[in-house]
């Protein structure tokens, strides 16, 4: 593992596995923020019947709630942190969980009908490699759902600045990519996906895109 990847891994290892469970119970802003994320993403996934894989599931809080709200039949989450996966498997028993490297997923080609990366790509030094790996495990008629912060949004930049100075300081320096609608669309297309639906929400601070395997 190179030094940059190790540094990013170390940053994320500092995030407690119960971070989202605890923060949604104790912080009104986080409750509102994550509840809106869950509702929006569940709406985009509702009605899907295919097996779904989520990378960067952490402690499983968001994946489990999104899967339940969307009525998904089968879902699985992978994360590079063994501690996060252990916590997810004990606390959020709906999806399946596995500790794995996003760049080398332990699945055969064309295993899943749907893949998701929920606020993950901005944390990766080489997001294009993760997307190509997701494309590999996706079926020919499969779909992808990506969520990233719109870090060019002035309101997001202001909130993020103060958040990482205080209660969210664990996330400081965790974002190594900054996406616009244009750059994210270009990344998807260069990785073998065709963007088909965009959703901007929370005053434009977050953007979600659904795509199809090209």
N, C-alpha and C. Protein backbone atom coordinates (compact mmCIF):
# COMPACT_ATOMS: atom_id res chain seq x y z
N UNK A 1 0.85 -1.19 0.00
CA UNK A 1 0.00 0.00 0.00
C UNK A 1 0.89 1.25 0.00
N UNK A 2 0.63 2.18 -0.95
CA UNK A 2 1.48 3.37 -1.00
C UNK A 2 1.14 4.32 0.15
N UNK A 3 1.98 5.36 0.31
CA UNK A 3 1.86 6.25 1.46
C UNK A 3 0.55 7.03 1.46
N UNK A 4 0.10 7.48 0.29
CA UNK A 4 -1.15 8.24 0.23
C UNK A 4 -2.34 7.38 0.63
N UNK A 5 -2.39 6.16 0.13
CA UNK A 5 -3.49 5.26 0.50
C UNK A 5 -3.44 4.95 1.99
N UNK A 6 -2.25 4.74 2.52
CA UNK A 6 -2.11 4.46 3.95
C UNK A 6 -2.59 5.65 4.78
N UNK A 7 -2.24 6.87 4.34
CA UNK A 7 -2.67 8.06 5.08
C UNK A 7 -4.18 8.17 5.10
N UNK A 8 -4.82 7.93 3.96
CA UNK A 8 -6.28 7.99 3.90
C UNK A 8 -6.91 6.89 4.72
N UNK A 9 -6.31 5.69 4.71
CA UNK A 9 -6.82 4.58 5.53
C UNK A 9 -6.73 4.94 7.00
N UNK A 10 -5.63 5.56 7.40
CA UNK A 10 -5.46 5.95 8.80
C UNK A 10 -6.51 6.97 9.22
N UNK A 11 -6.82 7.92 8.33
CA UNK A 11 -7.85 8.93 8.63
C UNK A 11 -9.19 8.25 8.87
N UNK A 12 -9.54 7.31 8.01
CA UNK A 12 -10.85 6.67 8.14
C UNK A 12 -10.90 5.69 9.30
N UNK A 13 -9.76 5.15 9.67
CA UNK A 13 -9.73 4.26 10.83
C UNK A 13 -10.01 5.02 12.13
N UNK A 14 -9.86 6.34 12.09
CA UNK A 14 -10.15 7.15 13.27
C UNK A 14 -11.65 7.37 13.47
N UNK A 15 -12.45 7.09 12.43
CA UNK A 15 -13.90 7.26 12.54
C UNK A 15 -14.49 6.04 13.25
N UNK A 16 -15.12 6.22 14.40
CA UNK A 16 -15.68 5.07 15.13
C UNK A 16 -16.76 4.36 14.30
N UNK A 17 -16.85 3.04 14.37
CA UNK A 17 -17.87 2.31 13.61
C UNK A 17 -19.30 2.75 13.93
N UNK A 18 -19.53 3.22 15.16
CA UNK A 18 -20.88 3.64 15.55
C UNK A 18 -21.11 5.13 15.32
N UNK A 19 -20.26 5.76 14.51
CA UNK A 19 -20.30 7.21 14.33
C UNK A 19 -21.69 7.70 13.92
N UNK A 20 -22.29 7.07 12.89
CA UNK A 20 -23.58 7.54 12.39
C UNK A 20 -24.72 7.19 13.34
N UNK A 21 -24.67 6.01 13.93
CA UNK A 21 -25.71 5.65 14.90
C UNK A 21 -25.74 6.65 16.05
N UNK A 22 -24.56 6.96 16.56
CA UNK A 22 -24.47 7.84 17.72
C UNK A 22 -24.80 9.29 17.36
N UNK A 23 -24.25 9.76 16.25
CA UNK A 23 -24.43 11.17 15.90
C UNK A 23 -25.88 11.48 15.52
N UNK A 24 -26.58 10.52 14.90
CA UNK A 24 -27.98 10.77 14.54
C UNK A 24 -28.88 10.82 15.77
N UNK A 25 -28.41 10.24 16.87
CA UNK A 25 -29.19 10.27 18.10
C UNK A 25 -28.90 11.52 18.94
N UNK A 26 -27.70 12.07 18.77
CA UNK A 26 -27.28 13.13 19.69
C UNK A 26 -27.11 14.50 19.05
N UNK A 27 -27.15 14.57 17.70
CA UNK A 27 -26.91 15.84 17.01
C UNK A 27 -28.04 16.10 16.03
N UNK A 28 -28.80 17.17 16.27
CA UNK A 28 -29.97 17.47 15.44
C UNK A 28 -29.59 17.72 13.98
N UNK A 29 -28.50 18.43 13.76
CA UNK A 29 -28.07 18.70 12.39
C UNK A 29 -27.75 17.41 11.65
N UNK A 30 -27.01 16.52 12.32
CA UNK A 30 -26.66 15.24 11.68
C UNK A 30 -27.90 14.39 11.45
N UNK A 31 -28.82 14.41 12.38
CA UNK A 31 -30.07 13.66 12.18
C UNK A 31 -30.79 14.15 10.92
N UNK A 32 -30.91 15.47 10.78
CA UNK A 32 -31.58 16.04 9.61
C UNK A 32 -30.82 15.70 8.33
N UNK A 33 -29.50 15.90 8.34
CA UNK A 33 -28.67 15.68 7.16
C UNK A 33 -28.76 14.23 6.67
N UNK A 34 -28.57 13.29 7.59
CA UNK A 34 -28.54 11.89 7.19
C UNK A 34 -29.93 11.34 6.89
N UNK A 35 -30.93 11.83 7.60
CA UNK A 35 -32.30 11.41 7.29
C UNK A 35 -32.68 11.82 5.88
N UNK A 36 -32.26 13.01 5.47
CA UNK A 36 -32.55 13.47 4.12
C UNK A 36 -31.79 12.64 3.09
N UNK A 37 -30.56 12.29 3.40
CA UNK A 37 -29.79 11.42 2.49
C UNK A 37 -30.48 10.07 2.33
N UNK A 38 -30.87 9.49 3.45
CA UNK A 38 -31.52 8.18 3.42
C UNK A 38 -32.79 8.23 2.60
N UNK A 39 -33.62 9.23 2.83
CA UNK A 39 -34.89 9.35 2.12
C UNK A 39 -34.69 9.53 0.62
N UNK A 40 -33.76 10.40 0.24
CA UNK A 40 -33.53 10.68 -1.18
C UNK A 40 -32.97 9.45 -1.90
N UNK A 41 -31.99 8.80 -1.32
CA UNK A 41 -31.39 7.65 -1.97
C UNK A 41 -32.35 6.46 -2.01
N UNK A 42 -33.13 6.28 -0.96
CA UNK A 42 -34.12 5.21 -0.96
C UNK A 42 -35.15 5.44 -2.07
N UNK A 43 -35.51 6.70 -2.29
CA UNK A 43 -36.43 7.01 -3.37
C UNK A 43 -35.87 6.66 -4.74
N UNK A 44 -34.57 6.87 -4.92
CA UNK A 44 -33.93 6.54 -6.20
C UNK A 44 -33.77 5.04 -6.39
N UNK A 45 -33.75 4.29 -5.28
CA UNK A 45 -33.56 2.84 -5.36
C UNK A 45 -34.87 2.06 -5.29
N UNK A 46 -35.94 2.72 -4.88
CA UNK A 46 -37.20 2.00 -4.66
C UNK A 46 -37.66 1.27 -5.92
N UNK A 47 -38.09 0.04 -5.75
CA UNK A 47 -38.58 -0.75 -6.87
C UNK A 47 -37.52 -1.64 -7.49
N UNK A 48 -36.25 -1.46 -7.10
CA UNK A 48 -35.19 -2.30 -7.65
C UNK A 48 -35.24 -3.69 -7.02
N UNK A 49 -35.12 -4.71 -7.85
CA UNK A 49 -35.19 -6.10 -7.38
C UNK A 49 -33.86 -6.82 -7.45
N UNK A 50 -32.87 -6.21 -8.09
CA UNK A 50 -31.58 -6.87 -8.29
C UNK A 50 -30.75 -6.89 -7.01
N UNK A 51 -29.79 -7.80 -6.96
CA UNK A 51 -28.82 -7.81 -5.87
C UNK A 51 -28.00 -6.52 -5.91
N UNK A 52 -27.85 -5.87 -4.75
CA UNK A 52 -27.15 -4.59 -4.70
C UNK A 52 -25.91 -4.68 -3.83
N UNK A 53 -24.80 -4.10 -4.33
CA UNK A 53 -23.56 -4.01 -3.57
C UNK A 53 -23.24 -2.55 -3.30
N UNK A 54 -22.90 -2.24 -2.04
CA UNK A 54 -22.52 -0.89 -1.64
C UNK A 54 -21.08 -0.91 -1.16
N UNK A 55 -20.24 -0.03 -1.71
CA UNK A 55 -18.86 0.05 -1.22
C UNK A 55 -18.74 1.21 -0.23
N UNK A 56 -17.89 1.01 0.78
CA UNK A 56 -17.71 2.04 1.80
C UNK A 56 -18.87 2.11 2.76
N UNK A 57 -19.39 0.96 3.16
CA UNK A 57 -20.60 0.93 3.99
C UNK A 57 -20.33 1.31 5.44
N UNK A 58 -19.06 1.36 5.85
CA UNK A 58 -18.76 1.72 7.23
C UNK A 58 -19.44 0.80 8.22
N UNK A 59 -20.04 1.38 9.24
CA UNK A 59 -20.73 0.60 10.26
C UNK A 59 -22.10 0.10 9.87
N UNK A 60 -22.51 0.33 8.63
CA UNK A 60 -23.75 -0.25 8.11
C UNK A 60 -25.01 0.56 8.37
N UNK A 61 -24.90 1.66 9.11
CA UNK A 61 -26.08 2.44 9.49
C UNK A 61 -26.89 2.90 8.28
N UNK A 62 -26.23 3.58 7.36
CA UNK A 62 -26.95 4.16 6.22
C UNK A 62 -27.42 3.08 5.26
N UNK A 63 -26.57 2.10 4.96
CA UNK A 63 -26.96 1.04 4.04
C UNK A 63 -28.19 0.30 4.55
N UNK A 64 -28.20 -0.06 5.82
CA UNK A 64 -29.32 -0.80 6.39
C UNK A 64 -30.61 0.01 6.30
N UNK A 65 -30.55 1.29 6.65
CA UNK A 65 -31.75 2.13 6.63
C UNK A 65 -32.23 2.39 5.22
N UNK A 66 -31.30 2.62 4.30
CA UNK A 66 -31.68 2.85 2.91
C UNK A 66 -32.31 1.59 2.31
N UNK A 67 -31.71 0.44 2.57
CA UNK A 67 -32.23 -0.82 2.03
C UNK A 67 -33.64 -1.10 2.54
N UNK A 68 -33.87 -0.85 3.82
CA UNK A 68 -35.20 -1.07 4.39
C UNK A 68 -36.22 -0.09 3.82
N UNK A 69 -35.85 1.18 3.74
CA UNK A 69 -36.78 2.19 3.26
C UNK A 69 -37.11 2.00 1.78
N UNK A 70 -36.12 1.51 1.01
CA UNK A 70 -36.33 1.28 -0.42
C UNK A 70 -37.00 -0.06 -0.69
N UNK A 71 -37.07 -0.93 0.32
CA UNK A 71 -37.68 -2.24 0.13
C UNK A 71 -36.84 -3.18 -0.70
N UNK A 72 -35.50 -3.09 -0.57
CA UNK A 72 -34.62 -3.94 -1.36
C UNK A 72 -34.69 -5.39 -0.87
N UNK A 73 -34.65 -6.31 -1.81
CA UNK A 73 -34.72 -7.73 -1.46
C UNK A 73 -33.40 -8.27 -0.94
N UNK A 74 -32.28 -7.77 -1.48
CA UNK A 74 -30.96 -8.32 -1.13
C UNK A 74 -29.93 -7.23 -1.30
N UNK A 75 -29.11 -7.02 -0.28
CA UNK A 75 -28.05 -6.01 -0.36
C UNK A 75 -26.84 -6.47 0.42
N UNK A 76 -25.69 -5.96 0.02
CA UNK A 76 -24.44 -6.29 0.70
C UNK A 76 -23.57 -5.04 0.74
N UNK A 77 -22.75 -4.94 1.79
CA UNK A 77 -21.85 -3.81 1.92
C UNK A 77 -20.43 -4.28 2.15
N UNK A 78 -19.48 -3.57 1.56
CA UNK A 78 -18.07 -3.85 1.82
C UNK A 78 -17.40 -2.60 2.37
N UNK A 79 -16.42 -2.80 3.20
CA UNK A 79 -15.63 -1.70 3.74
C UNK A 79 -14.23 -2.21 4.02
N UNK A 80 -13.25 -1.30 3.93
CA UNK A 80 -11.86 -1.70 4.16
C UNK A 80 -11.53 -1.88 5.63
N UNK A 81 -12.41 -1.39 6.52
CA UNK A 81 -12.17 -1.48 7.96
C UNK A 81 -12.83 -2.72 8.54
N UNK A 82 -12.02 -3.61 9.12
CA UNK A 82 -12.58 -4.81 9.74
C UNK A 82 -13.45 -4.45 10.94
N UNK A 83 -13.03 -3.42 11.69
CA UNK A 83 -13.81 -2.99 12.84
C UNK A 83 -15.19 -2.51 12.45
N UNK A 84 -15.27 -1.76 11.35
CA UNK A 84 -16.56 -1.27 10.87
C UNK A 84 -17.45 -2.43 10.43
N UNK A 85 -16.88 -3.40 9.74
CA UNK A 85 -17.65 -4.54 9.26
C UNK A 85 -18.14 -5.39 10.43
N UNK A 86 -17.30 -5.58 11.42
CA UNK A 86 -17.69 -6.34 12.62
C UNK A 86 -18.85 -5.66 13.31
N UNK A 87 -18.79 -4.34 13.44
CA UNK A 87 -19.88 -3.60 14.07
C UNK A 87 -21.14 -3.71 13.24
N UNK A 88 -21.02 -3.52 11.91
CA UNK A 88 -22.19 -3.58 11.03
C UNK A 88 -22.90 -4.92 11.14
N UNK A 89 -22.12 -6.00 11.13
CA UNK A 89 -22.71 -7.34 11.18
C UNK A 89 -23.43 -7.61 12.50
N UNK A 90 -23.01 -6.93 13.57
CA UNK A 90 -23.62 -7.16 14.88
C UNK A 90 -24.83 -6.24 15.13
N UNK A 91 -24.83 -5.05 14.51
CA UNK A 91 -25.86 -4.06 14.80
C UNK A 91 -26.89 -3.87 13.69
N UNK A 92 -26.52 -4.14 12.45
CA UNK A 92 -27.42 -3.88 11.32
C UNK A 92 -27.50 -5.14 10.46
N UNK A 93 -28.40 -6.02 10.83
CA UNK A 93 -28.40 -7.38 10.32
C UNK A 93 -29.15 -7.57 9.00
N UNK A 94 -29.68 -6.50 8.42
CA UNK A 94 -30.39 -6.65 7.15
C UNK A 94 -29.47 -7.03 6.00
N UNK A 95 -28.51 -6.18 5.63
CA UNK A 95 -27.57 -6.52 4.55
C UNK A 95 -26.53 -7.54 4.98
N UNK A 96 -25.79 -8.07 3.99
CA UNK A 96 -24.59 -8.87 4.26
C UNK A 96 -23.40 -7.93 4.27
N UNK A 97 -22.32 -8.32 4.97
CA UNK A 97 -21.16 -7.44 5.08
C UNK A 97 -19.87 -8.23 4.87
N UNK A 98 -18.88 -7.53 4.27
CA UNK A 98 -17.60 -8.16 4.00
C UNK A 98 -16.50 -7.11 4.02
N UNK A 99 -15.37 -7.44 4.65
CA UNK A 99 -14.22 -6.55 4.63
C UNK A 99 -13.45 -6.79 3.34
N UNK A 100 -13.27 -5.72 2.55
CA UNK A 100 -12.63 -5.88 1.24
C UNK A 100 -12.06 -4.56 0.75
N UNK A 101 -11.09 -4.66 -0.14
CA UNK A 101 -10.48 -3.51 -0.80
C UNK A 101 -11.37 -3.10 -1.97
N UNK A 102 -11.70 -1.80 -2.06
CA UNK A 102 -12.57 -1.33 -3.13
C UNK A 102 -11.96 -1.55 -4.51
N UNK A 103 -10.64 -1.57 -4.57
CA UNK A 103 -9.96 -1.70 -5.86
C UNK A 103 -9.81 -3.15 -6.31
N UNK A 104 -10.06 -4.09 -5.39
CA UNK A 104 -9.94 -5.52 -5.72
C UNK A 104 -11.07 -6.28 -5.02
N UNK A 105 -12.27 -6.12 -5.53
CA UNK A 105 -13.43 -6.74 -4.89
C UNK A 105 -13.41 -8.26 -5.06
N UNK A 106 -13.75 -9.02 -4.01
CA UNK A 106 -13.67 -10.48 -4.06
C UNK A 106 -14.92 -11.12 -4.65
N UNK A 107 -15.36 -10.61 -5.78
CA UNK A 107 -16.57 -11.13 -6.42
C UNK A 107 -16.27 -11.44 -7.89
N UNK A 108 -17.01 -12.38 -8.43
CA UNK A 108 -16.87 -12.74 -9.84
C UNK A 108 -17.46 -11.64 -10.72
N UNK A 109 -17.08 -11.65 -11.97
CA UNK A 109 -17.66 -10.71 -12.93
C UNK A 109 -19.18 -10.88 -12.98
N UNK A 110 -19.88 -9.76 -13.17
CA UNK A 110 -21.33 -9.75 -13.41
C UNK A 110 -22.12 -10.39 -12.26
N UNK A 111 -21.70 -10.13 -11.03
CA UNK A 111 -22.38 -10.71 -9.86
C UNK A 111 -23.62 -9.93 -9.46
N UNK A 112 -23.60 -8.59 -9.59
CA UNK A 112 -24.65 -7.73 -9.05
C UNK A 112 -25.43 -7.00 -10.14
N UNK A 113 -26.68 -6.70 -9.81
CA UNK A 113 -27.51 -5.93 -10.73
C UNK A 113 -27.48 -4.45 -10.44
N UNK A 114 -27.00 -4.09 -9.23
CA UNK A 114 -26.95 -2.68 -8.83
C UNK A 114 -25.73 -2.49 -7.93
N UNK A 115 -25.01 -1.39 -8.11
CA UNK A 115 -23.88 -1.06 -7.24
C UNK A 115 -24.00 0.39 -6.81
N UNK A 116 -23.55 0.70 -5.59
CA UNK A 116 -23.65 2.06 -5.07
C UNK A 116 -22.35 2.46 -4.38
N UNK A 117 -22.10 3.76 -4.41
CA UNK A 117 -20.98 4.36 -3.67
C UNK A 117 -21.51 5.65 -3.07
N UNK A 118 -21.84 5.62 -1.80
CA UNK A 118 -22.52 6.73 -1.12
C UNK A 118 -21.49 7.56 -0.36
N UNK A 119 -21.16 8.71 -0.90
CA UNK A 119 -20.13 9.59 -0.36
C UNK A 119 -18.84 8.81 -0.09
N UNK A 120 -18.34 8.19 -1.14
CA UNK A 120 -17.12 7.40 -1.09
C UNK A 120 -16.06 7.95 -2.04
N UNK A 121 -16.45 8.29 -3.26
CA UNK A 121 -15.47 8.64 -4.28
C UNK A 121 -14.60 9.83 -3.90
N UNK A 122 -15.17 10.77 -3.13
CA UNK A 122 -14.37 11.94 -2.73
C UNK A 122 -13.26 11.58 -1.74
N UNK A 123 -13.32 10.36 -1.19
CA UNK A 123 -12.31 9.91 -0.24
C UNK A 123 -11.21 9.07 -0.90
N UNK A 124 -11.35 8.79 -2.19
CA UNK A 124 -10.42 7.87 -2.86
C UNK A 124 -9.41 8.61 -3.71
N UNK A 125 -8.17 8.18 -3.61
CA UNK A 125 -7.12 8.79 -4.42
C UNK A 125 -7.32 8.48 -5.90
N UNK A 126 -7.83 7.28 -6.20
CA UNK A 126 -8.06 6.87 -7.58
C UNK A 126 -9.49 6.36 -7.75
N UNK A 127 -10.48 7.26 -7.75
CA UNK A 127 -11.88 6.83 -7.86
C UNK A 127 -12.18 6.10 -9.17
N UNK A 128 -11.42 6.40 -10.22
CA UNK A 128 -11.65 5.73 -11.49
C UNK A 128 -11.38 4.23 -11.39
N UNK A 129 -10.40 3.84 -10.57
CA UNK A 129 -10.10 2.42 -10.39
C UNK A 129 -11.23 1.70 -9.65
N UNK A 130 -11.80 2.37 -8.66
CA UNK A 130 -12.93 1.78 -7.93
C UNK A 130 -14.14 1.64 -8.84
N UNK A 131 -14.38 2.63 -9.70
CA UNK A 131 -15.52 2.56 -10.62
C UNK A 131 -15.35 1.44 -11.64
N UNK A 132 -14.14 1.26 -12.12
CA UNK A 132 -13.91 0.17 -13.08
C UNK A 132 -14.12 -1.19 -12.43
N UNK A 133 -13.76 -1.29 -11.14
CA UNK A 133 -13.98 -2.54 -10.42
C UNK A 133 -15.48 -2.77 -10.19
N UNK A 134 -16.21 -1.69 -9.89
CA UNK A 134 -17.67 -1.82 -9.77
C UNK A 134 -18.29 -2.24 -11.09
N UNK A 135 -17.78 -1.70 -12.18
CA UNK A 135 -18.29 -2.08 -13.50
C UNK A 135 -18.04 -3.56 -13.77
N UNK A 136 -16.90 -4.05 -13.34
CA UNK A 136 -16.56 -5.46 -13.55
C UNK A 136 -17.57 -6.39 -12.88
N UNK A 137 -17.97 -6.06 -11.63
CA UNK A 137 -18.86 -6.96 -10.89
C UNK A 137 -20.34 -6.70 -11.21
N UNK A 138 -20.61 -5.74 -12.09
CA UNK A 138 -21.98 -5.38 -12.44
C UNK A 138 -22.42 -6.13 -13.69
N UNK A 139 -23.65 -6.59 -13.66
CA UNK A 139 -24.22 -7.28 -14.82
C UNK A 139 -24.37 -6.32 -16.01
N UNK A 140 -24.52 -6.89 -17.20
CA UNK A 140 -24.56 -6.07 -18.42
C UNK A 140 -25.71 -5.07 -18.42
N UNK A 141 -26.81 -5.41 -17.81
CA UNK A 141 -27.96 -4.49 -17.74
C UNK A 141 -28.04 -3.79 -16.39
N UNK A 142 -26.91 -3.78 -15.67
CA UNK A 142 -26.90 -3.26 -14.31
C UNK A 142 -26.84 -1.75 -14.23
N UNK A 143 -27.05 -1.24 -13.01
CA UNK A 143 -27.09 0.20 -12.76
C UNK A 143 -26.15 0.57 -11.61
N UNK A 144 -25.79 1.84 -11.57
CA UNK A 144 -24.93 2.37 -10.51
C UNK A 144 -25.58 3.62 -9.93
N UNK A 145 -25.38 3.83 -8.63
CA UNK A 145 -25.85 5.04 -7.97
C UNK A 145 -24.68 5.63 -7.19
N UNK A 146 -24.36 6.88 -7.50
CA UNK A 146 -23.24 7.57 -6.85
C UNK A 146 -23.78 8.79 -6.11
N UNK A 147 -23.28 9.02 -4.90
CA UNK A 147 -23.58 10.25 -4.17
C UNK A 147 -22.27 10.89 -3.75
N UNK A 148 -22.12 12.17 -4.04
CA UNK A 148 -20.94 12.93 -3.60
C UNK A 148 -21.37 14.32 -3.15
N UNK A 149 -20.58 14.96 -2.31
CA UNK A 149 -20.87 16.36 -1.98
C UNK A 149 -20.50 17.26 -3.14
N UNK A 150 -21.26 18.33 -3.30
CA UNK A 150 -20.95 19.34 -4.31
C UNK A 150 -20.06 20.39 -3.64
N UNK A 151 -18.77 20.15 -3.65
CA UNK A 151 -17.85 20.98 -2.88
C UNK A 151 -17.57 22.33 -3.52
N UNK A 152 -18.15 22.58 -4.68
CA UNK A 152 -18.10 23.92 -5.28
C UNK A 152 -19.26 24.77 -4.78
N UNK A 153 -20.20 24.14 -4.07
CA UNK A 153 -21.34 24.87 -3.52
C UNK A 153 -20.86 25.72 -2.34
N UNK A 154 -21.07 27.04 -2.37
CA UNK A 154 -20.57 27.92 -1.30
C UNK A 154 -21.08 27.55 0.08
N UNK A 155 -22.36 27.14 0.17
CA UNK A 155 -22.92 26.79 1.46
C UNK A 155 -22.26 25.53 2.01
N UNK A 156 -22.05 24.53 1.15
CA UNK A 156 -21.37 23.31 1.61
C UNK A 156 -19.96 23.64 2.10
N UNK A 157 -19.24 24.46 1.34
CA UNK A 157 -17.88 24.79 1.72
C UNK A 157 -17.83 25.50 3.07
N UNK A 158 -18.80 26.37 3.31
CA UNK A 158 -18.85 27.08 4.59
C UNK A 158 -19.13 26.12 5.74
N UNK A 159 -20.16 25.27 5.57
CA UNK A 159 -20.52 24.31 6.62
C UNK A 159 -19.38 23.33 6.87
N UNK A 160 -18.77 22.83 5.78
CA UNK A 160 -17.70 21.85 5.92
C UNK A 160 -16.50 22.44 6.66
N UNK A 161 -16.20 23.72 6.37
CA UNK A 161 -15.08 24.37 7.03
C UNK A 161 -15.27 24.40 8.54
N UNK A 162 -16.43 24.84 8.98
CA UNK A 162 -16.67 24.95 10.42
C UNK A 162 -16.90 23.57 11.05
N UNK A 163 -17.52 22.65 10.30
CA UNK A 163 -17.76 21.31 10.83
C UNK A 163 -16.45 20.59 11.14
N UNK A 164 -15.49 20.69 10.22
CA UNK A 164 -14.22 20.00 10.43
C UNK A 164 -13.31 20.72 11.43
N UNK A 165 -13.72 21.90 11.87
CA UNK A 165 -13.01 22.58 12.95
C UNK A 165 -13.52 22.18 14.32
N UNK A 166 -14.74 21.60 14.34
CA UNK A 166 -15.37 21.26 15.62
C UNK A 166 -15.70 19.79 15.73
N UNK A 167 -17.01 19.48 15.82
CA UNK A 167 -17.44 18.11 16.07
C UNK A 167 -17.08 17.14 14.95
N UNK A 168 -16.92 17.66 13.75
CA UNK A 168 -16.57 16.79 12.63
C UNK A 168 -15.09 16.78 12.30
N UNK A 169 -14.25 17.12 13.27
CA UNK A 169 -12.82 17.23 12.98
C UNK A 169 -12.19 15.90 12.59
N UNK A 170 -12.87 14.79 12.89
CA UNK A 170 -12.37 13.48 12.49
C UNK A 170 -12.31 13.36 10.97
N UNK A 171 -13.12 14.19 10.26
CA UNK A 171 -13.16 14.13 8.80
C UNK A 171 -12.19 15.10 8.14
N UNK A 172 -11.46 15.87 8.92
CA UNK A 172 -10.54 16.84 8.33
C UNK A 172 -9.52 16.14 7.43
N UNK A 173 -9.33 16.67 6.24
CA UNK A 173 -8.40 16.15 5.23
C UNK A 173 -8.84 14.81 4.65
N UNK A 174 -10.09 14.40 4.91
CA UNK A 174 -10.56 13.12 4.39
C UNK A 174 -11.01 13.22 2.93
N UNK A 175 -11.38 14.41 2.48
CA UNK A 175 -11.81 14.59 1.09
C UNK A 175 -10.61 14.93 0.22
N UNK A 176 -10.30 14.05 -0.72
CA UNK A 176 -9.14 14.28 -1.60
C UNK A 176 -9.57 14.51 -3.05
N UNK A 177 -10.89 14.46 -3.32
CA UNK A 177 -11.44 14.76 -4.63
C UNK A 177 -12.55 15.80 -4.46
N UNK A 178 -12.69 16.68 -5.43
CA UNK A 178 -13.78 17.64 -5.46
C UNK A 178 -14.50 17.50 -6.80
N UNK A 179 -15.81 17.25 -6.73
CA UNK A 179 -16.57 16.98 -7.95
C UNK A 179 -17.57 18.09 -8.27
N UNK A 180 -17.72 18.33 -9.56
CA UNK A 180 -18.84 19.09 -10.09
C UNK A 180 -19.70 18.12 -10.87
N UNK A 181 -20.88 18.56 -11.29
CA UNK A 181 -21.73 17.70 -12.11
C UNK A 181 -20.99 17.28 -13.37
N UNK A 182 -20.26 18.22 -13.96
CA UNK A 182 -19.55 17.93 -15.21
C UNK A 182 -18.41 16.94 -15.00
N UNK A 183 -17.62 17.15 -13.94
CA UNK A 183 -16.47 16.26 -13.73
C UNK A 183 -16.90 14.87 -13.30
N UNK A 184 -17.98 14.78 -12.51
CA UNK A 184 -18.47 13.47 -12.10
C UNK A 184 -19.05 12.72 -13.29
N UNK A 185 -19.81 13.44 -14.14
CA UNK A 185 -20.34 12.81 -15.34
C UNK A 185 -19.25 12.31 -16.25
N UNK A 186 -18.19 13.10 -16.41
CA UNK A 186 -17.07 12.70 -17.25
C UNK A 186 -16.36 11.47 -16.68
N UNK A 187 -16.21 11.43 -15.34
CA UNK A 187 -15.57 10.29 -14.69
C UNK A 187 -16.38 9.01 -14.92
N UNK A 188 -17.70 9.10 -14.78
CA UNK A 188 -18.55 7.93 -15.00
C UNK A 188 -18.43 7.44 -16.43
N UNK A 189 -18.49 8.36 -17.38
CA UNK A 189 -18.42 7.96 -18.79
C UNK A 189 -17.07 7.33 -19.13
N UNK A 190 -15.99 7.88 -18.60
CA UNK A 190 -14.67 7.32 -18.87
C UNK A 190 -14.46 5.97 -18.20
N UNK A 191 -15.31 5.67 -17.19
CA UNK A 191 -15.22 4.39 -16.48
C UNK A 191 -16.21 3.36 -17.01
N UNK A 192 -16.93 3.72 -18.08
CA UNK A 192 -17.82 2.75 -18.73
C UNK A 192 -19.27 2.81 -18.29
N UNK A 193 -19.72 3.99 -17.79
CA UNK A 193 -21.11 4.17 -17.38
C UNK A 193 -21.75 5.33 -18.14
N UNK A 194 -23.05 5.24 -18.30
CA UNK A 194 -23.81 6.31 -18.95
C UNK A 194 -24.73 6.95 -17.90
N UNK A 195 -24.48 8.20 -17.49
CA UNK A 195 -25.38 8.88 -16.54
C UNK A 195 -26.78 9.03 -17.13
N UNK A 196 -27.81 8.68 -16.35
CA UNK A 196 -29.17 8.77 -16.87
C UNK A 196 -30.10 9.61 -16.01
N UNK A 197 -29.73 9.87 -14.75
CA UNK A 197 -30.60 10.68 -13.88
C UNK A 197 -29.77 11.37 -12.81
N UNK A 198 -30.02 12.67 -12.64
CA UNK A 198 -29.32 13.46 -11.62
C UNK A 198 -30.30 13.96 -10.58
N UNK A 199 -29.83 14.05 -9.34
CA UNK A 199 -30.66 14.57 -8.26
C UNK A 199 -29.79 15.47 -7.38
N UNK A 200 -30.08 16.77 -7.38
CA UNK A 200 -29.38 17.71 -6.50
C UNK A 200 -30.31 17.99 -5.32
N UNK A 201 -29.79 17.92 -4.10
CA UNK A 201 -30.66 18.16 -2.94
C UNK A 201 -29.86 18.77 -1.80
N UNK A 202 -30.58 19.06 -0.70
CA UNK A 202 -30.01 19.81 0.42
C UNK A 202 -29.38 21.11 -0.08
N UNK A 203 -30.23 21.89 -0.79
CA UNK A 203 -29.83 23.20 -1.32
C UNK A 203 -28.63 23.10 -2.26
N UNK A 204 -28.56 21.97 -2.98
CA UNK A 204 -27.48 21.78 -3.94
C UNK A 204 -26.17 21.34 -3.34
N UNK A 205 -26.16 21.04 -2.05
CA UNK A 205 -24.91 20.62 -1.41
C UNK A 205 -24.53 19.19 -1.70
N UNK A 206 -25.51 18.37 -2.05
CA UNK A 206 -25.25 16.97 -2.40
C UNK A 206 -25.79 16.69 -3.80
N UNK A 207 -25.10 15.82 -4.53
CA UNK A 207 -25.59 15.43 -5.85
C UNK A 207 -25.47 13.92 -6.01
N UNK A 208 -26.57 13.36 -6.49
CA UNK A 208 -26.65 11.91 -6.75
C UNK A 208 -26.85 11.71 -8.24
N UNK A 209 -26.25 10.66 -8.76
CA UNK A 209 -26.41 10.33 -10.17
C UNK A 209 -26.61 8.84 -10.33
N UNK A 210 -27.60 8.47 -11.12
CA UNK A 210 -27.82 7.07 -11.50
C UNK A 210 -27.22 6.86 -12.88
N UNK A 211 -26.59 5.74 -13.06
CA UNK A 211 -26.02 5.44 -14.37
C UNK A 211 -26.26 4.00 -14.77
N UNK A 212 -26.02 3.74 -16.04
CA UNK A 212 -26.16 2.39 -16.59
C UNK A 212 -24.80 1.92 -17.12
N UNK A 213 -24.58 0.63 -17.01
CA UNK A 213 -23.34 0.07 -17.53
C UNK A 213 -23.33 0.18 -19.05
N UNK A 214 -22.29 0.81 -19.58
CA UNK A 214 -22.20 1.01 -21.02
C UNK A 214 -21.59 -0.18 -21.74
